[in-house]
N, C-alpha and C. Protein backbone atom coordinates (compact mmCIF):
# COMPACT_ATOMS: atom_id res chain seq x y z
N UNK A 1 12.89 -49.08 -9.25
CA UNK A 1 12.06 -49.89 -8.35
C UNK A 1 12.89 -51.28 -8.74
N UNK A 2 13.18 -51.98 -9.67
CA UNK A 2 13.89 -52.86 -10.38
C UNK A 2 15.74 -53.08 -9.74
N UNK A 3 15.95 -52.29 -9.60
CA UNK A 3 17.09 -51.72 -9.10
C UNK A 3 17.13 -51.97 -7.62
N UNK A 4 16.66 -51.35 -6.73
CA UNK A 4 16.18 -51.41 -5.59
C UNK A 4 15.84 -52.96 -5.10
N UNK A 5 15.10 -53.52 -5.89
CA UNK A 5 14.82 -55.09 -5.38
C UNK A 5 15.95 -55.79 -5.55
N UNK A 6 16.71 -55.78 -7.08
CA UNK A 6 17.64 -56.26 -6.69
C UNK A 6 19.01 -56.40 -5.58
N UNK A 7 19.33 -55.02 -5.23
CA UNK A 7 20.09 -54.80 -4.37
C UNK A 7 19.68 -55.04 -2.80
N UNK A 8 18.58 -55.56 -2.98
CA UNK A 8 17.16 -55.91 -1.32
C UNK A 8 18.04 -57.03 -1.01
N UNK A 9 17.88 -57.65 -2.49
CA UNK A 9 18.31 -59.38 -2.54
C UNK A 9 19.60 -59.34 -2.31
N UNK A 10 20.21 -58.84 -2.83
CA UNK A 10 21.80 -58.85 -2.61
C UNK A 10 21.90 -58.79 -1.68
N UNK A 11 21.66 -57.62 -0.39
CA UNK A 11 21.88 -57.52 0.78
C UNK A 11 21.36 -58.50 2.19
N UNK A 12 20.21 -59.19 1.38
CA UNK A 12 19.55 -60.27 2.42
C UNK A 12 20.40 -60.91 2.11
N UNK A 13 21.08 -61.44 0.74
CA UNK A 13 22.06 -62.74 1.15
C UNK A 13 22.93 -62.83 1.32
N UNK A 14 23.80 -61.34 1.18
CA UNK A 14 24.91 -61.34 2.02
C UNK A 14 24.79 -61.19 3.67
N UNK A 15 23.99 -60.42 4.34
CA UNK A 15 23.64 -60.46 5.84
C UNK A 15 23.32 -62.23 6.25
N UNK A 16 22.16 -62.66 5.21
CA UNK A 16 23.03 -64.24 5.88
C UNK A 16 24.10 -65.03 5.93
N UNK A 17 24.44 -64.43 4.70
CA UNK A 17 25.73 -65.28 4.88
C UNK A 17 27.40 -64.90 5.63
N UNK A 18 26.96 -63.55 6.29
CA UNK A 18 27.58 -63.03 7.90
C UNK A 18 26.82 -63.69 8.37
N UNK A 19 25.51 -63.60 8.56
CA UNK A 19 25.56 -64.57 9.90
C UNK A 19 25.75 -65.57 9.78
N UNK A 20 25.70 -66.56 8.74
CA UNK A 20 26.59 -67.80 9.25
C UNK A 20 27.54 -67.94 9.45
N UNK A 21 28.62 -67.12 9.09
CA UNK A 21 30.04 -67.19 8.85
C UNK A 21 30.37 -66.49 10.19
N UNK A 22 29.29 -65.57 10.63
CA UNK A 22 29.77 -64.71 12.82
C UNK A 22 28.94 -66.04 13.43
N UNK A 23 28.25 -67.00 12.84
CA UNK A 23 27.35 -68.11 14.15
C UNK A 23 28.47 -68.85 14.75
N UNK A 24 28.60 -69.07 16.10
CA UNK A 24 29.42 -70.06 16.62
C UNK A 24 28.54 -71.56 15.98
N UNK A 25 29.34 -72.22 16.43
CA UNK A 25 28.93 -74.05 15.94
C UNK A 25 28.17 -74.42 16.42
N UNK A 26 28.24 -74.11 17.82
CA UNK A 26 27.11 -74.85 18.78
C UNK A 26 25.69 -74.21 18.46
N UNK A 27 25.83 -72.88 17.91
CA UNK A 27 24.42 -72.45 17.51
C UNK A 27 23.48 -72.40 16.19
N UNK A 28 24.07 -73.41 15.50
CA UNK A 28 24.12 -73.45 14.44
C UNK A 28 22.51 -74.07 13.83
N UNK A 29 22.14 -74.74 15.07
CA UNK A 29 20.92 -75.02 15.05
C UNK A 29 19.59 -74.19 14.92
N UNK A 30 20.23 -73.23 15.49
CA UNK A 30 19.03 -72.00 15.49
C UNK A 30 19.11 -71.33 14.67
N UNK A 31 19.73 -71.23 13.91
CA UNK A 31 19.91 -70.49 12.39
C UNK A 31 18.97 -71.12 11.25
N UNK A 32 17.98 -70.39 10.50
CA UNK A 32 17.23 -71.31 9.45
C UNK A 32 18.13 -71.75 8.68
N UNK A 33 17.68 -72.65 8.44
CA UNK A 33 18.50 -72.94 7.36
C UNK A 33 18.57 -72.30 5.49
N UNK A 34 19.74 -73.26 4.87
CA UNK A 34 19.19 -72.87 3.24
C UNK A 34 18.26 -72.64 2.57
N UNK A 35 17.56 -73.44 2.73
CA UNK A 35 15.84 -73.72 2.25
C UNK A 35 14.73 -72.59 2.89
N UNK A 36 15.13 -72.21 3.75
CA UNK A 36 14.08 -71.25 4.65
C UNK A 36 14.76 -69.73 4.18
N UNK A 37 16.08 -69.87 4.21
CA UNK A 37 16.18 -68.42 3.73
C UNK A 37 16.08 -68.29 2.18
N UNK A 38 16.54 -69.21 1.66
CA UNK A 38 15.45 -69.20 -0.11
C UNK A 38 14.30 -68.92 -0.15
N UNK A 39 13.27 -69.74 0.57
CA UNK A 39 11.90 -68.88 0.23
C UNK A 39 11.94 -67.76 1.06
N UNK A 40 12.26 -66.77 2.10
CA UNK A 40 12.06 -66.24 2.32
C UNK A 40 12.58 -64.64 1.22
N UNK A 41 13.19 -65.31 0.46
CA UNK A 41 14.38 -64.57 -0.64
C UNK A 41 13.03 -64.65 -1.68
N UNK A 42 12.97 -65.48 -2.37
CA UNK A 42 11.70 -65.86 -3.23
C UNK A 42 10.10 -64.93 -2.89
N UNK A 43 9.91 -65.20 -1.69
CA UNK A 43 9.07 -64.58 -1.08
C UNK A 43 8.81 -62.90 -1.26
N UNK A 44 9.97 -62.20 -0.81
CA UNK A 44 10.59 -61.18 -0.57
C UNK A 44 10.40 -60.55 -2.41
N UNK A 45 10.95 -61.36 -3.37
CA UNK A 45 11.32 -60.78 -4.64
C UNK A 45 9.91 -60.83 -5.66
N UNK A 46 9.13 -61.43 -5.16
CA UNK A 46 8.33 -61.36 -6.34
C UNK A 46 7.84 -60.12 -7.17
N UNK A 47 7.86 -59.12 -6.72
CA UNK A 47 8.21 -57.79 -7.63
C UNK A 47 9.38 -57.96 -8.52
N UNK A 48 10.26 -58.17 -8.01
CA UNK A 48 10.95 -58.79 -9.04
C UNK A 48 11.28 -59.52 -10.28
N UNK A 49 10.11 -60.86 -10.23
CA UNK A 49 9.90 -61.85 -10.89
C UNK A 49 9.09 -60.68 -11.58
N UNK A 50 7.85 -59.78 -11.47
CA UNK A 50 7.12 -59.54 -12.34
C UNK A 50 7.82 -58.38 -12.98
N UNK A 51 8.38 -57.34 -12.33
CA UNK A 51 9.08 -56.79 -13.79
C UNK A 51 10.08 -57.58 -14.44
N UNK A 52 10.62 -59.06 -14.37
CA UNK A 52 10.57 -59.19 -15.69
C UNK A 52 9.91 -59.80 -17.20
N UNK A 53 8.81 -59.76 -16.44
CA UNK A 53 7.71 -59.95 -17.79
C UNK A 53 7.86 -58.61 -18.70
N UNK A 54 8.51 -57.54 -18.36
CA UNK A 54 9.03 -56.62 -19.68
C UNK A 54 9.83 -56.76 -20.36
N UNK A 55 10.83 -55.91 -20.46
CA UNK A 55 12.26 -56.41 -20.84
C UNK A 55 12.80 -55.80 -20.04
N UNK A 56 13.85 -56.23 -18.77
CA UNK A 56 14.52 -56.02 -17.65
C UNK A 56 15.63 -54.52 -17.79
N UNK A 57 15.37 -53.26 -17.46
CA UNK A 57 16.28 -52.68 -17.99
C UNK A 57 17.41 -52.44 -17.05
N UNK A 58 17.81 -52.41 -15.65
CA UNK A 58 18.96 -52.26 -14.94
C UNK A 58 19.24 -53.92 -14.47
N UNK A 59 18.45 -54.51 -14.60
CA UNK A 59 18.90 -55.84 -14.24
C UNK A 59 20.04 -56.46 -14.83
N UNK A 60 21.09 -57.42 -14.34
CA UNK A 60 21.93 -57.66 -14.32
C UNK A 60 21.89 -59.45 -14.92
N UNK A 61 23.02 -60.28 -15.81
CA UNK A 61 22.89 -62.05 -15.69
C UNK A 61 22.87 -62.01 -13.77
N UNK A 62 24.09 -61.77 -13.36
CA UNK A 62 24.00 -61.83 -11.66
C UNK A 62 22.94 -61.96 -11.45
N UNK A 63 22.38 -60.83 -11.36
CA UNK A 63 20.42 -60.61 -10.69
C UNK A 63 19.86 -61.68 -10.77
N UNK A 64 19.97 -61.88 -12.08
CA UNK A 64 19.13 -62.83 -12.46
C UNK A 64 19.45 -64.86 -12.30
N UNK A 65 20.99 -65.02 -12.12
CA UNK A 65 21.16 -65.88 -11.43
C UNK A 65 21.22 -66.46 -9.82
N UNK A 66 21.31 -65.08 -9.67
CA UNK A 66 21.03 -65.00 -8.27
C UNK A 66 19.31 -65.56 -7.58
N UNK A 67 18.66 -64.90 -8.14
CA UNK A 67 17.27 -65.33 -8.31
C UNK A 67 17.13 -66.96 -8.19
N UNK A 68 17.67 -67.40 -9.52
CA UNK A 68 17.86 -68.67 -10.25
C UNK A 68 17.88 -69.94 -9.16
N UNK A 69 19.36 -68.97 -8.29
CA UNK A 69 19.76 -70.17 -7.12
C UNK A 69 18.69 -69.96 -5.76
N UNK A 70 18.10 -68.90 -5.75
CA UNK A 70 17.16 -68.86 -4.89
C UNK A 70 16.03 -69.70 -4.85
N UNK A 71 15.44 -69.78 -5.58
CA UNK A 71 14.46 -70.57 -6.59
C UNK A 71 14.58 -72.02 -6.03
N UNK A 72 15.78 -72.58 -7.01
CA UNK A 72 16.07 -74.03 -6.78
C UNK A 72 16.49 -74.31 -5.28
N UNK A 73 17.62 -73.12 -4.60
CA UNK A 73 17.40 -73.82 -3.23
C UNK A 73 15.81 -73.83 -2.75
N UNK A 74 14.71 -73.00 -2.60
CA UNK A 74 13.54 -72.94 -2.02
C UNK A 74 12.76 -74.36 -2.55
N UNK A 75 13.22 -74.86 -3.69
CA UNK A 75 12.37 -75.83 -4.77
C UNK A 75 11.05 -74.66 -4.76
N UNK A 76 10.83 -73.84 -5.34
CA UNK A 76 9.69 -73.09 -5.60
C UNK A 76 9.84 -72.91 -7.15
N UNK A 77 9.08 -72.49 -7.99
CA UNK A 77 8.48 -71.98 -8.98
C UNK A 77 9.68 -72.64 -10.10
N UNK A 78 9.91 -73.84 -10.46
CA UNK A 78 10.87 -73.93 -11.55
C UNK A 78 10.86 -73.60 -12.69
N UNK A 79 8.42 -73.37 -12.95
CA UNK A 79 8.66 -72.99 -14.27
C UNK A 79 8.99 -71.79 -14.43
N UNK A 80 9.81 -71.20 -13.78
CA UNK A 80 9.89 -69.75 -13.68
C UNK A 80 11.45 -69.56 -14.28
N UNK A 81 12.74 -70.67 -14.47
CA UNK A 81 13.86 -70.78 -14.64
C UNK A 81 13.90 -70.94 -15.93
N UNK A 82 13.45 -70.92 -16.95
CA UNK A 82 13.30 -70.98 -18.11
C UNK A 82 13.26 -69.22 -18.74
N UNK A 83 13.09 -68.47 -17.91
CA UNK A 83 12.89 -67.57 -18.33
C UNK A 83 13.93 -66.82 -17.98
N UNK A 84 14.18 -67.15 -16.64
CA UNK A 84 15.39 -66.49 -16.11
C UNK A 84 16.50 -66.74 -16.82
N UNK A 85 16.83 -67.96 -17.55
CA UNK A 85 18.11 -68.43 -18.30
C UNK A 85 18.09 -67.51 -19.68
N UNK A 86 16.75 -67.64 -20.03
CA UNK A 86 16.31 -66.67 -21.80
C UNK A 86 17.07 -65.74 -21.63
N UNK A 87 16.49 -64.82 -20.45
CA UNK A 87 17.30 -63.34 -20.32
C UNK A 87 18.06 -63.34 -20.55
N UNK A 88 18.86 -64.51 -19.38
CA UNK A 88 20.18 -64.62 -19.35
C UNK A 88 20.95 -64.57 -20.34
N UNK A 89 20.52 -65.32 -21.57
CA UNK A 89 21.18 -65.23 -22.55
C UNK A 89 21.82 -64.55 -23.40
N UNK A 90 20.04 -63.93 -23.72
CA UNK A 90 20.16 -62.74 -24.21
C UNK A 90 21.18 -61.57 -23.91
N UNK A 91 21.47 -61.60 -22.82
CA UNK A 91 22.30 -60.08 -22.00
C UNK A 91 23.54 -61.00 -22.74
N UNK A 92 23.84 -62.17 -23.31
CA UNK A 92 25.92 -62.21 -23.32
C UNK A 92 25.82 -61.79 -24.55
N UNK A 93 27.68 -61.43 -24.36
CA UNK A 93 27.74 -60.65 -25.89
C UNK A 93 28.41 -61.70 -26.68
N UNK A 94 27.99 -62.23 -27.41
CA UNK A 94 28.60 -63.25 -28.30
C UNK A 94 29.18 -62.74 -29.39
N UNK A 95 29.79 -61.57 -29.84
CA UNK A 95 30.45 -61.27 -30.77
C UNK A 95 31.97 -61.29 -30.63
N UNK A 96 32.44 -62.28 -31.11
CA UNK A 96 33.90 -62.98 -31.74
C UNK A 96 34.70 -61.40 -31.42
N UNK A 97 34.47 -60.00 -31.93
CA UNK A 97 34.99 -59.32 -32.37
C UNK A 97 34.93 -58.26 -30.87
N UNK A 98 33.93 -58.35 -30.23
CA UNK A 98 34.10 -57.86 -28.81
C UNK A 98 34.93 -57.52 -28.19
N UNK A 99 35.53 -56.92 -27.16
CA UNK A 99 36.51 -56.98 -26.22
C UNK A 99 35.93 -57.35 -24.58
N UNK A 100 34.88 -57.52 -24.45
CA UNK A 100 34.14 -58.36 -23.76
C UNK A 100 33.67 -59.83 -23.98
């Protein structure tokens, strides 16, 4: 379920980016602004947020940062950022002897 939500967020983000790239300059006023797109992503991905209350199994740091960016752009739920960044920090390999 978490993996599917992550892939949906990525697909929606890529689709929005491609739509903006393909839109002629004259029609940009008709396309939703970044804040609207981000708000839609945040609303769509509540399940992703709920899944983070447990230990996230297949969530990547990229997924966490993408969601954090959507929250910031939408100006919604700033209280969630600490949890997202805390989880991302836990995912970092801090062993100096590690190849990664």
